[in-house]
Amino acid sequence: MSHPDPYGGAEPRGWDRPAPALPWPETDLEPGPWQRPGPGTRPHPADAGAYARPETYARPVADPYPGTTRRHDAAPPYDEPRAAGRDRRDEPAPGGRGAWGGDRPDDEYPTAQIPPVRDEPVRDETAPEPPAGRRARGRRRASAERPPTAVPGASRAGRNLPAAIGVGVALGAAIVVPLFFFLPAFLAVLAAAVAIGIGEMARAVRRSGAHPPLVPLVAGGVLTVGLAWFAGPDALCLGLLVTVLGTMIWRLGDGPGNYQRDLTAATLIAVYVPFLAGFAALLAAAPDDGHLRVLVTLVAVVLSDTGGYAAGVAFGKHPMAPTISPKKSWEGFAGSVTAAAAGSAVLLWLLFDVAPWWGALFGMAISCAAVLGDLAESMIKRDLGVKDMSNLLPGHGGLMDRLDSILFAVPTAYLLLAVFVPVVG
């Protein structure tokens, strides 16, 4: 049984079927070269008239590369027979000279015009000649008469020593000059140092995610130093309490998120910077000899730092606290204690008529406190992942990098001098 023809019917099939009528006229359409059917293709009856018109393809196509020979036009037919055992590389290249292997003209290979890579730079002939007596810009070659330029290495202390000395002298002058010529100006210098130190500490602890309020800390720190200057030790403790309470109230405006962490950081800053710096105000506020008390404390700290640096560079072999401060050594610590003790023994004997052994004990205590203060800030910086508190002072880092030793030394000096040199009046 034969199957019925699914296309059976009276309607024509394939190309015999008339094209459906379009809802729009084709007056603007003209078949292009790509629409012409190839050989063996039967056009649609509706387009037969268009392909039959010779004017449709009367316009020649312009050559996009005039004057050149296109390789696909000159390529030989690949289906032509070749002799047995004959390699195609031995055949002459069409449109060129020699074999396919590489006797073509340069215009067939654009990469042949690229200069080869050499070890030495190619000199541009069109560049102007350098003036006589001057070497062209670039890296000069070393020779026996002209050794290579030596790159200055870092010192064993890890800082720029000339810059550190210059900045240290400038800071010392900023403290000593008002201390001896206009004492109230020393209070202004101290308040400014406290404000800058609080700002550096607050910026550093933000790396751990804590955000202590800066405004109440700065205002409370300046107030703490001023109360210590005018009202004594009891007012210093009152200023610390006001600062901590002020930060608690101010922080309430930011919501409960991370409140405990921010308040802990703020309390640390309030105790570490303005409260300890307030003892410097207590030393300077002592009647008659306040400026001398501050002077002997600063000299002991400077001698401790200088002696530790010299001994550490010359003899330092045994690290003191490698996980906290790798550059500190026990030999440097011994140098710090020795220099501070010797200098303080002479200075307290000359200025306050104190026995030299008491002066040496004062210097040793100040040196130990200064080293502990330095280690304490180094531990804080290690925990926060910073090298310096800031880059305010060349060769020193931030201001807190210089105040770390002094902040621990001034409370020790205040207590010891209150025993060795009682306050009169």
Protein backbone atom coordinates (compact mmCIF):
# COMPACT_ATOMS: atom_id res chain seq x y z
CA MET A 1 0.00 0.00 0.00
CA SER A 2 1.50 3.27 -1.07
CA HIS A 3 1.47 6.19 1.31
CA PRO A 4 -0.35 9.29 0.26
CA ASP A 5 1.73 12.16 -0.94
CA PRO A 6 1.81 14.75 1.88
CA TYR A 7 2.44 17.44 -0.71
CA GLY A 8 -0.17 16.24 -3.07
CA GLY A 9 -2.60 18.73 -4.34
CA ALA A 10 -3.15 21.25 -7.01
CA GLU A 11 -0.69 23.79 -5.63
CA PRO A 12 2.78 23.91 -7.23
CA ARG A 13 5.88 22.97 -5.17
CA GLY A 14 9.39 24.46 -4.68
CA TRP A 15 10.36 27.22 -7.10
CA ASP A 16 7.12 26.77 -9.03
CA ARG A 17 5.16 28.24 -6.13
CA PRO A 18 4.45 31.96 -6.63
CA ALA A 19 5.95 34.36 -4.07
CA PRO A 20 3.50 35.74 -1.51
CA ALA A 21 2.48 39.30 -1.92
CA LEU A 22 4.28 41.70 0.49
CA PRO A 23 2.31 44.39 2.30
CA TRP A 24 4.78 47.09 1.19
CA PRO A 25 6.22 47.95 -2.21
CA GLU A 26 9.88 47.10 -2.99
CA THR A 27 10.62 50.24 -4.89
CA ASP A 28 13.69 51.20 -2.81
CA LEU A 29 15.31 47.77 -2.76
CA GLU A 30 17.97 46.82 -5.24
CA PRO A 31 19.77 43.51 -5.15
CA GLY A 32 23.45 43.79 -4.38
CA PRO A 33 26.34 41.66 -5.51
CA TRP A 34 25.88 39.36 -2.53
CA GLN A 35 22.26 38.63 -3.59
CA ARG A 36 23.13 37.23 -7.00
CA PRO A 37 22.64 33.44 -7.08
CA GLY A 38 25.63 31.34 -7.87
CA PRO A 39 25.90 28.87 -10.70
CA GLY A 40 23.43 26.04 -10.51
CA THR A 41 21.04 27.98 -8.27
CA ARG A 42 17.58 28.58 -9.51
CA PRO A 43 16.29 32.10 -8.79
CA HIS A 44 12.84 32.87 -7.63
CA PRO A 45 10.46 33.67 -10.44
CA ALA A 46 9.67 37.02 -8.91
CA ASP A 47 13.36 38.01 -9.06
CA ALA A 48 14.14 36.55 -12.45
CA GLY A 49 13.63 39.87 -14.17
CA ALA A 50 15.98 41.69 -11.79
CA TYR A 51 18.84 39.29 -12.38
CA ALA A 52 18.29 39.41 -16.09
CA ARG A 53 18.90 43.14 -16.25
CA PRO A 54 22.55 43.80 -17.10
CA GLU A 55 22.51 47.28 -15.53
CA THR A 56 22.09 45.74 -12.12
CA TYR A 57 25.75 44.69 -12.08
CA ALA A 58 27.06 47.31 -14.43
CA ARG A 59 28.88 49.23 -11.67
CA PRO A 60 32.41 47.91 -11.09
CA VAL A 61 33.64 47.29 -7.58
CA ALA A 62 36.62 49.50 -6.70
CA ASP A 63 39.79 47.79 -5.59
CA PRO A 64 40.40 48.66 -1.91
CA TYR A 65 44.15 48.13 -2.36
CA PRO A 66 45.16 49.73 -5.64
CA GLY A 67 48.60 48.97 -6.97
CA THR A 68 49.03 45.78 -4.94
CA THR A 69 48.77 42.14 -5.82
CA ARG A 70 46.38 40.24 -3.63
CA ARG A 71 47.71 36.88 -2.63
CA HIS A 72 44.40 35.09 -3.02
CA ASP A 73 44.20 36.23 -6.66
CA ALA A 74 47.70 34.94 -7.45
CA ALA A 75 47.45 31.73 -5.44
CA PRO A 76 47.96 28.61 -7.57
CA PRO A 77 45.25 25.99 -7.75
CA TYR A 78 45.79 23.34 -5.15
CA ASP A 79 44.20 20.54 -7.13
CA GLU A 80 46.79 20.58 -9.92
CA PRO A 81 48.93 17.43 -10.13
CA ARG A 82 52.48 17.55 -8.76
CA ALA A 83 55.35 15.33 -9.63
CA ALA A 84 56.11 12.53 -7.24
CA GLY A 85 58.80 13.38 -4.67
CA ARG A 86 58.57 17.12 -5.31
CA ASP A 87 58.17 19.35 -2.32
CA ARG A 88 56.00 22.45 -2.59
CA ARG A 89 58.68 24.53 -0.92
CA ASP A 90 60.89 23.92 -3.98
CA GLU A 91 58.33 25.47 -6.30
CA PRO A 92 58.71 29.11 -7.24
CA ALA A 93 56.41 31.43 -5.31
CA PRO A 94 53.68 32.95 -7.48
CA GLY A 95 54.15 36.65 -8.00
CA GLY A 96 57.62 36.57 -6.40
CA ARG A 97 61.14 35.21 -6.65
CA GLY A 98 62.65 31.96 -5.45
CA ALA A 99 61.00 29.14 -3.54
CA TRP A 100 58.28 29.23 -0.94
CA GLY A 101 60.95 28.91 1.74
CA GLY A 102 62.10 32.52 1.84
CA ASP A 103 63.21 34.39 -1.30
CA ARG A 104 60.18 36.62 -1.42
CA PRO A 105 60.49 40.37 -1.77
CA ASP A 106 60.19 42.46 1.35
CA ASP A 107 56.75 43.79 0.45
CA GLU A 108 55.40 40.24 0.70
CA TYR A 109 56.59 40.03 4.34
CA PRO A 110 55.90 43.21 6.35
CA THR A 111 57.73 41.80 9.36
CA ALA A 112 60.98 41.75 7.41
CA GLN A 113 61.12 45.54 7.78
CA ILE A 114 61.14 45.38 11.60
CA PRO A 115 64.71 45.88 12.92
CA PRO A 116 66.09 42.93 14.84
CA VAL A 117 66.34 43.08 18.63
CA ARG A 118 69.85 43.92 19.78
CA ASP A 119 71.44 44.01 23.18
CA GLU A 120 72.31 47.70 22.84
CA PRO A 121 69.82 50.41 21.94
CA VAL A 122 69.78 51.59 18.35
CA ARG A 123 70.82 55.19 18.08
CA ASP A 124 68.46 57.46 16.26
CA GLU A 125 70.38 59.20 13.48
CA THR A 126 67.87 62.05 13.38
CA ALA A 127 68.28 62.85 17.10
CA PRO A 128 70.30 65.98 17.90
CA GLU A 129 73.84 65.49 19.11
CA PRO A 130 74.38 66.09 22.85
CA PRO A 131 76.44 69.15 23.72
CA ALA A 132 80.16 68.68 24.09
CA GLY A 133 81.33 67.80 27.56
CA ARG A 134 77.99 66.38 28.67
CA ARG A 135 76.88 62.78 28.71
CA ALA A 136 73.55 61.81 27.18
CA ARG A 137 70.79 60.94 29.59
CA GLY A 138 70.72 57.31 30.64
CA ARG A 139 72.58 54.83 32.78
CA ARG A 140 76.32 55.29 32.49
CA ARG A 141 78.65 52.35 32.26
CA ALA A 142 81.08 51.62 35.06
CA SER A 143 84.78 51.28 34.34
CA ALA A 144 88.04 51.12 36.22
CA GLU A 145 88.30 54.91 36.24
CA ARG A 146 84.61 55.44 36.98
CA PRO A 147 83.16 52.97 39.51
CA PRO A 148 79.40 52.34 39.62
CA THR A 149 77.25 54.67 41.67
CA ALA A 150 76.83 53.29 45.17
CA VAL A 151 73.29 53.24 46.52
CA PRO A 152 73.24 54.50 50.12
CA GLY A 153 72.04 51.77 52.44
CA ALA A 154 69.90 52.11 55.49
CA SER A 155 71.61 52.52 58.83
CA ARG A 156 71.47 49.83 61.45
CA ALA A 157 69.07 51.96 63.42
CA GLY A 158 66.60 51.86 60.55
CA ARG A 159 66.23 55.64 60.18
CA ASN A 160 67.83 58.68 58.59
CA LEU A 161 70.29 59.76 61.26
CA PRO A 162 71.01 63.35 60.07
CA ALA A 163 67.32 64.11 59.71
CA ALA A 164 66.63 62.55 63.10
CA ILE A 165 69.29 64.71 64.76
CA GLY A 166 68.02 67.88 63.09
CA VAL A 167 64.41 67.24 64.05
CA GLY A 168 65.45 66.31 67.59
CA VAL A 169 67.33 69.58 68.01
CA ALA A 170 64.34 71.55 66.69
CA LEU A 171 61.98 69.80 69.10
CA GLY A 172 64.36 70.41 71.99
CA ALA A 173 64.53 74.11 71.14
CA ALA A 174 60.72 74.32 70.94
CA ILE A 175 60.57 72.97 74.51
CA VAL A 176 63.56 74.59 76.20
CA VAL A 177 63.16 78.13 74.85
CA PRO A 178 59.66 78.77 76.26
CA LEU A 179 60.56 76.78 79.35
CA PHE A 180 63.26 79.27 80.33
CA PHE A 181 62.02 82.52 78.80
CA PHE A 182 58.21 82.41 78.95
CA LEU A 183 56.79 79.54 81.00
CA PRO A 184 53.11 79.93 79.95
CA ALA A 185 54.20 79.31 76.36
CA PHE A 186 55.39 75.87 77.47
CA LEU A 187 51.80 75.07 78.42
CA ALA A 188 50.70 75.97 74.89
CA VAL A 189 53.42 73.75 73.39
CA LEU A 190 52.39 70.89 75.67
CA ALA A 191 48.70 71.26 74.77
CA ALA A 192 49.51 71.29 71.05
CA ALA A 193 51.66 68.16 71.43
CA VAL A 194 48.82 66.40 73.27
CA ALA A 195 46.31 67.31 70.56
CA ILE A 196 48.61 66.06 67.78
CA GLY A 197 49.37 62.85 69.69
CA ILE A 198 45.67 62.14 70.24
CA GLY A 199 45.02 62.63 66.54
CA GLU A 200 47.81 60.22 65.59
CA MET A 201 46.61 57.58 68.03
CA ALA A 202 42.99 57.86 66.92
CA ARG A 203 44.02 57.55 63.27
CA ALA A 204 46.18 54.51 64.03
CA VAL A 205 43.55 52.56 66.01
CA ARG A 206 41.09 52.92 63.14
CA ARG A 207 43.07 50.22 61.36
CA SER A 208 41.72 47.74 63.92
CA GLY A 209 38.12 48.75 63.24
CA ALA A 210 37.68 51.00 66.27
CA HIS A 211 36.48 54.59 65.77
CA PRO A 212 37.01 56.63 68.96
CA PRO A 213 35.42 60.08 68.87
CA LEU A 214 38.16 62.59 68.15
CA VAL A 215 36.48 65.85 69.22
CA PRO A 216 35.85 64.98 72.91
CA LEU A 217 39.26 63.33 73.14
CA VAL A 218 41.12 66.42 71.94
CA ALA A 219 39.02 68.80 74.01
CA GLY A 220 39.29 66.61 77.10
CA GLY A 221 43.04 66.14 76.62
CA VAL A 222 43.72 69.88 76.48
CA LEU A 223 41.45 70.37 79.50
CA THR A 224 43.31 67.66 81.44
CA VAL A 225 46.70 69.30 80.86
CA GLY A 226 45.32 72.72 81.80
CA LEU A 227 43.77 71.43 85.04
CA ALA A 228 47.04 69.74 86.01
CA TRP A 229 48.93 73.00 85.37
CA PHE A 230 46.64 75.19 87.44
CA ALA A 231 45.20 72.86 90.10
CA GLY A 232 47.59 69.99 90.72
CA PRO A 233 47.37 66.20 90.79
CA ASP A 234 43.75 65.98 91.93
CA ALA A 235 42.62 68.11 88.99
CA LEU A 236 44.64 65.86 86.67
CA CYS A 237 42.56 62.84 87.71
CA LEU A 238 39.40 64.94 87.37
CA GLY A 239 40.36 65.87 83.83
CA LEU A 240 40.82 62.20 82.91
CA LEU A 241 37.38 61.37 84.33
CA VAL A 242 35.75 64.21 82.39
CA THR A 243 37.45 63.10 79.18
CA VAL A 244 36.26 59.50 79.48
CA LEU A 245 32.70 60.55 80.36
CA GLY A 246 32.67 63.02 77.49
CA THR A 247 33.67 60.33 74.99
CA MET A 248 30.96 57.99 76.36
CA ILE A 249 28.25 60.60 75.90
CA TRP A 250 29.50 61.72 72.50
CA ARG A 251 29.68 58.15 71.22
CA LEU A 252 25.99 57.54 72.06
CA GLY A 253 25.03 59.57 68.99
CA ASP A 254 26.48 56.90 66.66
CA GLY A 255 24.29 54.08 67.90
CA PRO A 256 25.03 50.88 69.81
CA GLY A 257 27.16 49.23 67.09
CA ASN A 258 30.74 48.59 68.32
CA TYR A 259 30.15 50.88 71.28
CA GLN A 260 32.30 48.89 73.69
CA ARG A 261 35.23 48.65 71.26
CA ASP A 262 35.18 52.37 70.48
CA LEU A 263 34.94 53.31 74.14
CA THR A 264 37.84 51.01 75.04
CA ALA A 265 40.04 52.62 72.39
CA ALA A 266 39.04 56.10 73.56
CA THR A 267 39.89 55.25 77.18
CA LEU A 268 43.29 53.89 76.15
CA ILE A 269 44.07 57.10 74.27
CA ALA A 270 42.88 59.31 77.13
CA VAL A 271 45.12 57.55 79.65
CA TYR A 272 48.11 57.09 77.36
CA VAL A 273 48.41 60.62 75.97
CA PRO A 274 46.82 63.45 78.02
CA PHE A 275 46.91 61.82 81.44
CA LEU A 276 50.61 60.90 81.27
CA ALA A 277 51.46 64.22 79.62
CA GLY A 278 49.74 65.98 82.51
CA PHE A 279 52.67 65.00 84.76
CA ALA A 280 54.90 67.20 82.59
CA ALA A 281 52.56 70.08 83.45
CA LEU A 282 52.86 69.15 87.14
CA LEU A 283 56.66 69.24 86.87
CA ALA A 284 56.68 72.62 85.13
CA ALA A 285 54.13 74.11 87.54
CA ALA A 286 56.38 73.54 90.56
CA PRO A 287 57.30 76.92 92.04
CA ASP A 288 60.82 78.30 91.65
CA ASP A 289 62.41 75.24 89.99
CA GLY A 290 59.72 73.81 87.70
CA HIS A 291 61.70 74.49 84.56
CA LEU A 292 64.74 72.71 86.04
CA ARG A 293 62.67 69.62 86.90
CA VAL A 294 61.48 69.39 83.31
CA LEU A 295 65.03 69.95 82.06
CA VAL A 296 66.64 67.13 84.07
CA THR A 297 63.86 64.75 82.98
CA LEU A 298 64.31 65.55 79.29
CA VAL A 299 68.11 65.33 79.56
CA ALA A 300 67.85 61.91 81.20
CA VAL A 301 65.55 60.68 78.40
CA VAL A 302 67.85 62.05 75.71
CA LEU A 303 70.92 60.48 77.34
CA SER A 304 69.08 57.17 77.59
CA ASP A 305 68.11 57.25 73.93
CA THR A 306 71.57 58.34 72.76
CA GLY A 307 73.46 55.85 74.92
CA GLY A 308 71.19 53.01 73.85
CA TYR A 309 71.63 53.86 70.18
CA ALA A 310 75.43 54.08 70.40
CA ALA A 311 75.82 50.87 72.42
CA GLY A 312 73.32 48.99 70.27
CA VAL A 313 75.04 49.91 67.03
CA ALA A 314 78.51 49.15 68.37
CA PHE A 315 77.89 46.06 70.53
CA GLY A 316 74.29 44.97 70.01
CA LYS A 317 74.14 41.17 69.51
CA HIS A 318 71.49 39.84 71.90
CA PRO A 319 67.92 40.97 71.10
CA MET A 320 65.99 42.30 74.03
CA ALA A 321 62.43 41.81 72.71
CA PRO A 322 62.65 40.40 69.16
CA THR A 323 58.89 39.97 68.76
CA ILE A 324 58.19 43.59 69.79
CA SER A 325 61.23 45.64 68.76
CA PRO A 326 63.87 43.62 66.87
CA LYS A 327 66.45 46.42 66.89
CA LYS A 328 66.63 46.71 70.68
CA SER A 329 69.35 44.69 72.36
CA TRP A 330 70.49 44.09 75.88
CA GLU A 331 73.77 45.79 75.11
CA GLY A 332 71.83 48.87 74.00
CA PHE A 333 69.75 48.76 77.18
CA ALA A 334 72.92 48.65 79.26
CA GLY A 335 74.21 51.67 77.35
CA SER A 336 70.94 53.52 77.99
CA VAL A 337 71.04 52.91 81.73
CA THR A 338 74.72 53.80 82.02
CA ALA A 339 74.47 57.06 80.09
CA ALA A 340 71.31 58.21 81.89
CA ALA A 341 72.71 57.34 85.31
CA ALA A 342 76.02 59.13 84.76
CA GLY A 343 74.43 62.24 83.30
CA SER A 344 71.68 62.50 85.91
CA ALA A 345 74.16 62.05 88.78
CA VAL A 346 76.12 65.07 87.62
CA LEU A 347 73.10 67.17 86.66
CA LEU A 348 71.09 66.67 89.85
CA TRP A 349 74.18 67.33 91.93
CA LEU A 350 74.82 70.62 90.14
CA LEU A 351 71.22 71.87 89.94
CA PHE A 352 69.56 70.53 93.10
CA ASP A 353 72.54 69.65 95.34
CA VAL A 354 71.43 66.00 95.45
CA ALA A 355 73.95 63.27 96.26
CA PRO A 356 75.37 61.71 93.10
CA TRP A 357 74.16 58.18 93.96
CA TRP A 358 70.61 59.48 94.24
CA GLY A 359 71.05 61.20 90.94
CA ALA A 360 72.33 57.95 89.41
CA LEU A 361 69.30 56.11 90.79
CA PHE A 362 67.07 58.78 89.24
CA GLY A 363 68.77 58.33 85.88
CA MET A 364 68.45 54.55 85.99
CA ALA A 365 64.74 54.77 86.80
CA ILE A 366 64.15 57.28 84.03
CA SER A 367 66.02 55.08 81.55
CA CYS A 368 64.00 51.99 82.47
CA ALA A 369 60.74 53.94 82.19
CA ALA A 370 61.77 55.37 78.81
CA VAL A 371 62.63 51.92 77.44
CA LEU A 372 59.33 50.51 78.73
CA GLY A 373 57.46 53.36 77.08
CA ASP A 374 59.21 52.70 73.80
CA LEU A 375 58.39 48.99 74.01
CA ALA A 376 54.77 49.74 74.91
CA GLU A 377 54.24 51.85 71.81
CA SER A 378 56.11 49.30 69.69
CA MET A 379 53.67 46.65 70.92
CA ILE A 380 50.72 48.89 70.04
CA LYS A 381 52.11 49.50 66.56
CA ARG A 382 52.75 45.78 66.06
CA ASP A 383 49.20 45.02 67.06
CA LEU A 384 47.82 47.68 64.69
CA GLY A 385 50.16 46.70 61.86
CA VAL A 386 51.82 50.12 61.40
CA LYS A 387 55.50 51.07 61.33
CA ASP A 388 55.12 54.68 62.46
CA MET A 389 52.21 56.60 63.89
CA SER A 390 52.56 59.12 61.05
CA ASN A 391 55.18 60.73 58.82
CA LEU A 392 55.04 64.15 60.46
CA LEU A 393 58.70 64.25 61.55
CA PRO A 394 61.42 63.21 59.07
CA GLY A 395 63.67 60.55 60.53
CA HIS A 396 61.35 60.01 63.50
CA GLY A 397 57.94 59.12 62.09
CA GLY A 398 55.11 60.68 64.05
CA LEU A 399 55.15 62.86 67.12
CA MET A 400 54.02 59.92 69.23
CA ASP A 401 57.15 58.06 68.13
CA ARG A 402 59.13 60.70 70.04
CA LEU A 403 56.74 61.12 72.96
CA ASP A 404 56.53 57.41 73.78
CA SER A 405 59.64 57.48 76.00
CA ILE A 406 58.82 60.84 77.57
CA LEU A 407 55.25 59.88 78.45
CA PHE A 408 56.44 57.05 80.69
CA ALA A 409 59.38 59.04 82.04
CA VAL A 410 57.55 62.14 83.33
CA PRO A 411 55.38 60.32 85.96
CA THR A 412 58.52 58.54 87.24
CA ALA A 413 60.42 61.81 87.39
CA TYR A 414 57.55 63.55 89.18
CA LEU A 415 57.42 60.89 91.91
CA LEU A 416 61.21 60.63 92.40
CA LEU A 417 61.83 64.38 92.38
CA ALA A 418 59.02 64.82 94.92
CA VAL A 419 61.15 62.64 97.23
CA PHE A 420 64.65 63.78 96.32
CA VAL A 421 63.85 67.49 95.87
CA PRO A 422 60.81 68.39 97.98
CA VAL A 423 58.66 71.15 96.59
CA VAL A 424 59.01 74.40 98.54
CA GLY A 425 55.91 76.55 98.94
